[in-house]
Protein backbone atom coordinates (compact mmCIF):
# COMPACT_ATOMS: atom_id res chain seq x y z
CA UNK A 1 36.22 27.06 69.02
CA UNK A 2 33.20 26.35 70.41
CA UNK A 3 32.35 22.49 71.66
CA UNK A 4 29.13 21.28 69.96
CA UNK A 5 26.96 18.51 71.23
CA UNK A 6 25.02 15.96 68.56
CA UNK A 7 21.43 14.94 69.49
CA UNK A 8 18.60 13.68 67.90
CA UNK A 9 15.22 15.58 67.79
CA UNK A 10 11.87 15.46 65.89
CA UNK A 11 11.73 18.28 62.86
CA UNK A 12 8.15 19.78 61.74
CA UNK A 13 9.22 21.16 58.07
CA UNK A 14 6.96 24.20 57.34
CA UNK A 15 7.21 26.22 54.44
CA UNK A 16 8.42 30.12 55.04
CA UNK A 17 8.19 29.24 59.17
CA UNK A 18 11.71 29.66 61.28
CA UNK A 19 11.53 29.24 64.85
CA UNK A 20 13.77 32.26 66.29
CA UNK A 21 15.10 31.85 69.46
CA UNK A 22 13.64 33.30 72.55
CA UNK A 23 10.54 33.34 70.49
CA UNK A 24 7.24 31.14 70.75
CA UNK A 25 5.24 30.11 67.97
CA UNK A 26 1.79 28.28 67.79
CA UNK A 27 1.14 25.70 65.65
CA UNK A 28 -1.99 23.90 65.08
CA UNK A 29 -1.26 19.39 64.77
CA UNK A 30 -3.46 17.56 62.62
CA UNK A 31 -1.75 15.34 60.13
CA UNK A 32 -1.45 11.65 61.61
CA UNK A 33 2.24 11.42 61.31
CA UNK A 34 2.33 14.70 63.17
CA UNK A 35 0.28 13.85 65.78
CA UNK A 36 2.76 10.90 66.48
CA UNK A 37 5.69 13.12 66.72
CA UNK A 38 3.94 14.97 69.53
CA UNK A 39 3.31 11.57 71.61
CA UNK A 40 7.28 10.90 70.71
CA UNK A 41 8.00 14.36 71.93
CA UNK A 42 5.80 13.92 75.04
CA UNK A 43 7.83 11.08 76.07
CA UNK A 44 11.42 12.46 74.72
CA UNK A 45 11.55 15.98 76.64
CA UNK A 46 8.86 17.93 74.79
CA UNK A 47 11.87 19.18 72.04
CA UNK A 48 10.66 19.81 68.74
CA UNK A 49 12.79 21.77 65.69
CA UNK A 50 11.29 23.58 62.60
CA UNK A 51 12.66 23.61 59.32
CA UNK A 52 11.98 25.86 56.55
CA UNK A 53 11.12 23.60 53.40
CA UNK A 54 12.87 25.02 50.79
CA UNK A 55 10.85 26.16 48.44
CA UNK A 56 12.11 24.88 45.01
CA UNK A 57 11.51 21.53 46.77
CA UNK A 58 8.01 22.02 46.89
CA UNK A 59 7.17 21.42 42.69
CA UNK A 60 8.45 18.62 42.53
CA UNK A 61 5.96 16.74 44.79
CA UNK A 62 8.64 15.04 47.19
CA UNK A 63 7.05 13.04 50.02
CA UNK A 64 10.68 14.14 52.00
CA UNK A 65 10.68 17.70 50.50
CA UNK A 66 14.26 19.30 51.18
CA UNK A 67 14.53 21.41 54.16
CA UNK A 68 17.65 23.70 54.95
CA UNK A 69 20.52 22.58 57.28
CA UNK A 70 20.06 25.16 59.56
CA UNK A 71 16.75 25.85 61.76
CA UNK A 72 15.61 26.75 65.49
CA UNK A 73 14.56 23.92 67.98
CA UNK A 74 12.39 24.49 71.25
CA UNK A 75 10.71 23.12 73.72
CA UNK A 76 6.48 22.54 73.63
CA UNK A 77 5.16 24.70 76.74
CA UNK A 78 1.39 24.44 76.06
CA UNK A 79 -0.29 21.76 74.39
CA UNK A 80 -4.21 21.63 74.16
CA UNK A 81 -5.30 18.39 72.93
CA UNK A 82 -9.10 18.39 70.85
CA UNK A 83 -11.83 16.03 70.83
CA UNK A 84 -10.51 14.67 66.96
CA UNK A 85 -6.87 14.20 68.25
CA UNK A 86 -5.74 17.44 66.43
CA UNK A 87 -3.92 19.53 68.99
CA UNK A 88 -2.96 23.33 69.47
CA UNK A 89 1.02 23.74 70.79
CA UNK A 90 2.75 26.47 71.77
CA UNK A 91 6.81 25.89 70.72
CA UNK A 92 8.92 28.67 73.12
CA UNK A 93 12.53 29.07 70.59
CA UNK A 94 15.77 27.59 72.91
CA UNK A 95 18.10 27.68 70.30
CA UNK A 96 19.96 27.13 66.65
CA UNK A 97 20.60 23.45 65.30
CA UNK A 98 22.63 22.07 62.40
CA UNK A 99 21.46 19.26 60.49
CA UNK A 100 23.76 16.74 60.32
CA UNK A 101 21.64 13.30 58.74
CA UNK A 102 18.69 11.68 59.75
CA UNK A 103 18.04 8.58 62.56
CA UNK A 104 14.60 8.26 60.52
CA UNK A 105 12.14 9.81 57.96
CA UNK A 106 9.19 7.85 58.45
CA UNK A 107 6.35 8.31 60.09
CA UNK A 108 8.05 11.61 60.51
CA UNK A 109 11.83 12.95 60.60
CA UNK A 110 14.20 12.78 63.12
CA UNK A 111 17.23 14.71 62.98
CA UNK A 112 20.76 14.12 63.94
CA UNK A 113 21.96 17.87 64.78
CA UNK A 114 24.67 19.75 65.91
CA UNK A 115 23.03 22.47 68.80
CA UNK A 116 24.69 25.42 68.36
CA UNK A 117 25.49 27.33 71.86
CA UNK A 118 25.48 30.92 71.44
CA UNK A 119 28.95 32.69 71.01
CA UNK A 120 29.19 33.98 75.08
CA UNK A 121 32.22 36.29 74.43
CA UNK A 122 30.69 38.76 71.52
CA UNK A 123 29.75 41.30 74.05
CA UNK A 124 33.00 41.32 74.92
CA UNK A 125 34.24 42.12 70.97
CA UNK A 126 34.08 45.65 70.25
CA UNK A 127 33.15 45.62 66.61
CA UNK A 128 30.01 43.39 67.78
CA UNK A 129 28.96 45.70 70.63
CA UNK A 130 29.49 48.68 67.56
CA UNK A 131 27.65 47.18 65.47
CA UNK A 132 25.25 46.06 67.70
CA UNK A 133 24.57 49.18 69.97
CA UNK A 134 23.79 50.74 66.01
CA UNK A 135 20.97 47.60 65.71
CA UNK A 136 19.19 48.61 68.67
CA UNK A 137 18.97 52.25 67.75
CA UNK A 138 17.57 51.72 64.36
CA UNK A 139 15.51 49.31 65.49
CA UNK A 140 13.73 51.47 67.94
CA UNK A 141 13.27 54.02 65.45
CA UNK A 142 11.27 51.36 63.38
CA UNK A 143 9.42 50.43 66.10
CA UNK A 144 8.56 53.80 67.25
CA UNK A 145 7.50 54.32 63.67
CA UNK A 146 5.00 51.03 63.32
CA UNK A 147 3.38 52.41 66.90
CA UNK A 148 4.78 50.02 68.84
CA UNK A 149 4.54 51.16 73.17
CA UNK A 150 7.35 52.84 74.73
CA UNK A 151 7.63 50.02 77.13
CA UNK A 152 8.62 47.54 74.59
CA UNK A 153 11.24 50.10 73.25
CA UNK A 154 12.94 50.56 76.45
CA UNK A 155 13.02 46.69 76.94
CA UNK A 156 14.63 46.66 74.02
CA UNK A 157 18.16 47.50 75.79
CA UNK A 158 17.47 43.90 77.31
CA UNK A 159 18.68 41.87 74.62
CA UNK A 160 22.60 43.06 75.47
CA UNK A 161 22.16 40.04 77.84
CA UNK A 162 20.01 37.82 75.55
CA UNK A 163 21.97 34.27 74.09
CA UNK A 164 21.18 35.28 70.09
CA UNK A 165 20.18 38.63 70.04
CA UNK A 166 20.53 39.23 66.75
CA UNK A 167 18.53 36.28 65.54
CA UNK A 168 15.68 38.11 67.97
CA UNK A 169 15.50 41.22 66.53
CA UNK A 170 15.61 39.71 63.01
CA UNK A 171 12.35 37.73 64.15
CA UNK A 172 10.34 40.85 65.43
CA UNK A 173 10.84 43.04 62.05
CA UNK A 174 8.97 42.79 58.91
CA UNK A 175 12.08 42.01 56.06
CA UNK A 176 12.58 39.16 53.68
CA UNK A 177 12.17 35.61 54.85
CA UNK A 178 15.80 34.68 52.80
CA UNK A 179 17.72 37.02 54.62
CA UNK A 180 15.95 36.21 58.49
CA UNK A 181 17.17 32.68 57.11
CA UNK A 182 20.85 34.19 55.80
CA UNK A 183 21.16 35.54 59.37
CA UNK A 184 20.56 32.52 61.34
CA UNK A 185 22.08 29.96 58.96
CA UNK A 186 25.52 32.81 59.82
CA UNK A 187 27.59 31.09 63.15
CA UNK A 188 29.83 34.60 63.19
CA UNK A 189 28.18 36.88 65.89
CA UNK A 190 30.43 39.85 63.55
CA UNK A 191 28.95 38.25 60.13
CA UNK A 192 25.08 38.24 61.42
CA UNK A 193 25.56 41.39 63.00
CA UNK A 194 26.88 43.10 59.80
CA UNK A 195 23.93 41.39 57.27
CA UNK A 196 21.11 43.39 60.00
CA UNK A 197 22.81 46.47 60.48
CA UNK A 198 22.42 46.81 56.42
CA UNK A 199 18.86 45.54 56.78
CA UNK A 200 17.67 47.96 59.58
CA UNK A 201 19.82 50.64 57.80
CA UNK A 202 18.09 50.25 54.59
CA UNK A 203 14.30 49.90 56.80
CA UNK A 204 15.16 53.40 58.34
CA UNK A 205 16.18 54.79 54.57
CA UNK A 206 12.86 53.58 53.54
CA UNK A 207 10.50 55.18 55.94
């Protein structure tokens, strides 16, 4: 059983956006409450989570629309303030968190979350290794067909050492948002890999 730490983190809810570990997400901060959130981040380690808004809740004009309970979190690695108080920031995805409650919702959400540590033993799991080897091979074929540079294809082998390799591959491929959220939300590395393998097999068949 993995040990899971509980902490608080400000949450930026956005429709259709997933912050995957190991990726970079540029954001434009302009609403007053999120400017306040940015100030809060500056005073609390520059950490921020980005949680996808559940689309059905947007139809109800809820001031606090429902969000997915598993989402990515990261640290602000660049901040460019603008003269009128807005800011452009760059967020680096660091991990995955599970929401267990809220410290507050106003003026912005501060969630009580469990940060999910990577499953380090996955590379010793023969089933995972076989699944991920097939995923890598098929992903390289997809990237080649899309005109990716050879350097990127070769660097895909480095993902064996990535803390969240299945999630990272999900971030760079173009497939259904709900499937990406399903992969992110699954805590079992083998099950995550099975879902992604099915997707990349389908993508190769569709070429």
